[in-house]
Amino acid sequence: MDTITFRTVTPIFEFEFEDKSDIFDYSGSLNDASYNITLKFYPQGTETFEELVKFVAVDYRNELTAIYMHPLHSFATCYFLVINLMVPETERTVLASNSLESLQLTSAMLSALNLHSTKEIRLYNTYEFRSPPHQYTKYGKSTPNIGQTWNSLFGMSTGMLN
């Protein structure tokens, strides 16, 4: 059976391991999918950029060259959280540009990373790719909200207080 890989790439700003050669690497399974999660240092350069965006059609990769920079601040990063989720190709997944499992893993990892850090991590976008590429979307981009993620884990309302 063929598989589809959903990849999320989240730049993590103002973050570093004590030793830049340290890597967080974890693999597992969720429902009928298998996944690999990596948090590591990706130095700026063509080779590592190509590794991060390898599931994006070559024609669209230039749109992602700012992946290392935070657009609202002068932060640069070389640490990325990369999640690859491999799912069997089905009628549902062949049409999907992302999956519920991929969203759940990304949300859980960003929440865990924020809880584990000595100061709040800085995020801006999570980039979403798939292989084989989706016929109608080149890639996705979402802005994670750690507060909403944290509150939803504990069943708290994320609405505004009156």
Protein backbone atom coordinates (compact mmCIF):
# COMPACT_ATOMS: atom_id res chain seq x y z
CA MET A 1 0.00 0.00 0.00
CA ASP A 2 1.26 3.49 -0.87
CA THR A 3 1.82 6.07 1.86
CA ILE A 4 1.46 9.81 2.07
CA THR A 5 3.86 11.83 4.19
CA PHE A 6 2.62 14.98 5.90
CA ARG A 7 5.49 17.20 7.07
CA THR A 8 5.31 20.18 9.40
CA VAL A 9 8.30 22.48 9.85
CA THR A 10 8.25 25.00 12.70
CA PRO A 11 11.13 27.46 13.17
CA ILE A 12 11.88 27.93 16.88
CA PHE A 13 13.28 31.40 17.64
CA GLU A 14 15.55 32.34 20.56
CA PHE A 15 16.13 28.70 21.40
CA GLU A 16 19.20 26.52 21.59
CA PHE A 17 20.51 23.35 23.13
CA GLU A 18 23.62 23.73 25.28
CA ASP A 19 25.46 21.70 22.65
CA LYS A 20 24.39 22.52 19.07
CA SER A 21 25.08 18.94 18.05
CA ASP A 22 22.30 17.68 20.37
CA ILE A 23 19.24 16.35 18.57
CA PHE A 24 15.80 15.47 19.88
CA ASP A 25 14.66 12.55 17.75
CA TYR A 26 11.60 10.42 18.50
CA SER A 27 9.56 7.96 16.45
CA GLY A 28 6.27 6.29 17.18
CA SER A 29 2.80 5.51 15.90
CA LEU A 30 -0.60 7.14 16.22
CA ASN A 31 -3.75 5.40 15.00
CA ASP A 32 -2.78 3.88 11.63
CA ALA A 33 0.12 6.31 11.07
CA SER A 34 3.80 6.27 11.97
CA TYR A 35 5.77 9.42 12.71
CA ASN A 36 9.20 10.85 13.33
CA ILE A 37 9.80 14.06 15.32
CA THR A 38 13.11 15.91 15.19
CA LEU A 39 14.25 19.12 16.87
CA LYS A 40 17.71 20.11 15.81
CA PHE A 41 20.08 22.79 14.59
CA TYR A 42 19.85 23.39 10.82
CA PRO A 43 22.56 25.90 9.84
CA GLN A 44 21.52 28.35 7.17
CA GLY A 45 22.53 27.21 3.72
CA THR A 46 21.28 25.60 0.55
CA GLU A 47 21.72 22.00 1.67
CA THR A 48 19.76 22.29 4.92
CA PHE A 49 17.12 24.53 3.32
CA GLU A 50 16.54 21.87 0.67
CA GLU A 51 16.20 19.23 3.41
CA LEU A 52 13.54 21.30 5.22
CA VAL A 53 11.43 22.00 2.12
CA LYS A 54 12.10 18.83 0.10
CA PHE A 55 8.39 18.07 -0.27
CA VAL A 56 7.63 21.44 -1.89
CA ALA A 57 7.67 21.64 -5.67
CA VAL A 58 10.92 23.26 -6.83
CA ASP A 59 8.98 26.12 -8.47
CA TYR A 60 7.63 27.24 -5.07
CA ARG A 61 10.70 26.82 -2.85
CA ASN A 62 11.85 30.42 -3.39
CA GLU A 63 8.71 31.59 -1.57
CA LEU A 64 10.06 29.94 1.60
CA THR A 65 13.56 31.44 1.72
CA ALA A 66 12.57 33.60 4.73
CA ILE A 67 11.84 30.48 6.81
CA TYR A 68 14.87 31.31 9.00
CA MET A 69 13.68 34.83 9.94
CA HIS A 70 10.90 36.04 12.27
CA PRO A 71 9.03 38.68 10.24
CA LEU A 72 8.01 40.83 13.23
CA HIS A 73 11.35 40.89 15.04
CA SER A 74 14.99 40.66 14.11
CA PHE A 75 15.21 37.06 15.35
CA ALA A 76 16.95 34.48 13.24
CA THR A 77 16.84 30.78 13.93
CA CYS A 78 18.64 27.65 13.02
CA TYR A 79 16.52 25.32 15.19
CA PHE A 80 13.54 23.62 13.60
CA LEU A 81 10.90 21.22 14.84
CA VAL A 82 10.26 18.81 11.95
CA ILE A 83 7.46 16.26 12.14
CA ASN A 84 6.97 13.65 9.42
CA LEU A 85 3.74 11.65 9.61
CA MET A 86 3.36 8.69 7.27
CA VAL A 87 -0.20 7.51 6.64
CA PRO A 88 -1.62 4.86 4.32
CA GLU A 89 -3.05 6.27 1.12
CA THR A 90 -6.85 6.12 1.36
CA GLU A 91 -9.72 8.01 -0.24
CA ARG A 92 -9.57 10.44 2.70
CA THR A 93 -5.81 11.02 2.75
CA VAL A 94 -5.31 11.22 -1.01
CA LEU A 95 -7.46 14.39 -1.06
CA ALA A 96 -6.17 15.91 2.19
CA SER A 97 -3.58 18.68 2.37
CA ASN A 98 -2.94 17.81 6.04
CA SER A 99 -4.18 15.33 8.65
CA LEU A 100 -5.70 15.47 12.11
CA GLU A 101 -2.85 13.35 13.49
CA SER A 102 -0.28 15.78 12.08
CA LEU A 103 -2.05 18.74 13.68
CA GLN A 104 -2.31 16.89 17.02
CA LEU A 105 1.39 15.96 17.03
CA THR A 106 2.48 19.50 16.17
CA SER A 107 0.24 21.01 18.85
CA ALA A 108 1.42 18.55 21.50
CA MET A 109 5.11 19.02 20.67
CA LEU A 110 4.91 22.83 20.72
CA SER A 111 3.10 22.74 24.06
CA ALA A 112 5.63 20.31 25.52
CA LEU A 113 8.53 22.37 24.24
CA ASN A 114 7.06 25.52 25.73
CA LEU A 115 6.52 23.81 29.10
CA HIS A 116 10.05 22.43 29.10
CA SER A 117 11.77 25.72 28.19
CA THR A 118 13.05 28.14 30.81
CA LYS A 119 11.39 30.99 28.91
CA GLU A 120 8.51 31.06 26.47
CA ILE A 121 9.52 29.90 23.02
CA ARG A 122 8.98 32.26 20.13
CA LEU A 123 7.12 30.97 17.09
CA TYR A 124 5.61 32.58 14.07
CA ASN A 125 4.54 30.02 11.49
CA THR A 126 4.33 26.32 11.00
CA TYR A 127 4.79 25.26 7.38
CA GLU A 128 2.87 22.23 6.13
CA PHE A 129 3.95 20.07 3.20
CA ARG A 130 3.06 16.67 1.86
CA SER A 131 4.57 14.04 -0.35
CA PRO A 132 3.40 13.34 -2.92
CA PRO A 133 2.39 16.99 -3.36
CA HIS A 134 -1.29 17.88 -3.25
CA GLN A 135 -2.67 18.76 -6.67
CA TYR A 136 -4.34 22.01 -5.53
CA THR A 137 -2.10 23.40 -2.77
CA LYS A 138 1.63 24.08 -2.93
CA TYR A 139 2.10 24.21 0.87
CA GLY A 140 0.26 25.36 3.96
CA LYS A 141 1.17 27.87 6.62
CA SER A 142 -0.42 28.31 10.03
CA THR A 143 0.35 30.36 13.11
CA PRO A 144 0.43 28.18 16.23
CA ASN A 145 -1.16 29.57 19.38
CA ILE A 146 0.46 27.98 22.42
CA GLY A 147 -2.11 29.49 24.80
CA GLN A 148 -4.97 27.90 22.93
CA THR A 149 -3.12 24.62 22.77
CA TRP A 150 -2.40 24.64 26.52
CA ASN A 151 -6.00 25.52 27.40
CA SER A 152 -7.50 22.90 25.10
CA LEU A 153 -5.36 20.19 26.71
CA PHE A 154 -6.99 20.88 30.05
CA GLY A 155 -10.51 21.55 28.80
CA MET A 156 -10.45 25.26 29.63
CA SER A 157 -12.28 27.84 27.60
CA THR A 158 -10.14 29.77 25.16
CA GLY A 159 -12.74 32.51 24.75
CA MET A 160 -12.31 36.04 26.01
CA LEU A 161 -13.17 36.78 29.61
CA ASN A 162 -16.00 39.22 30.28
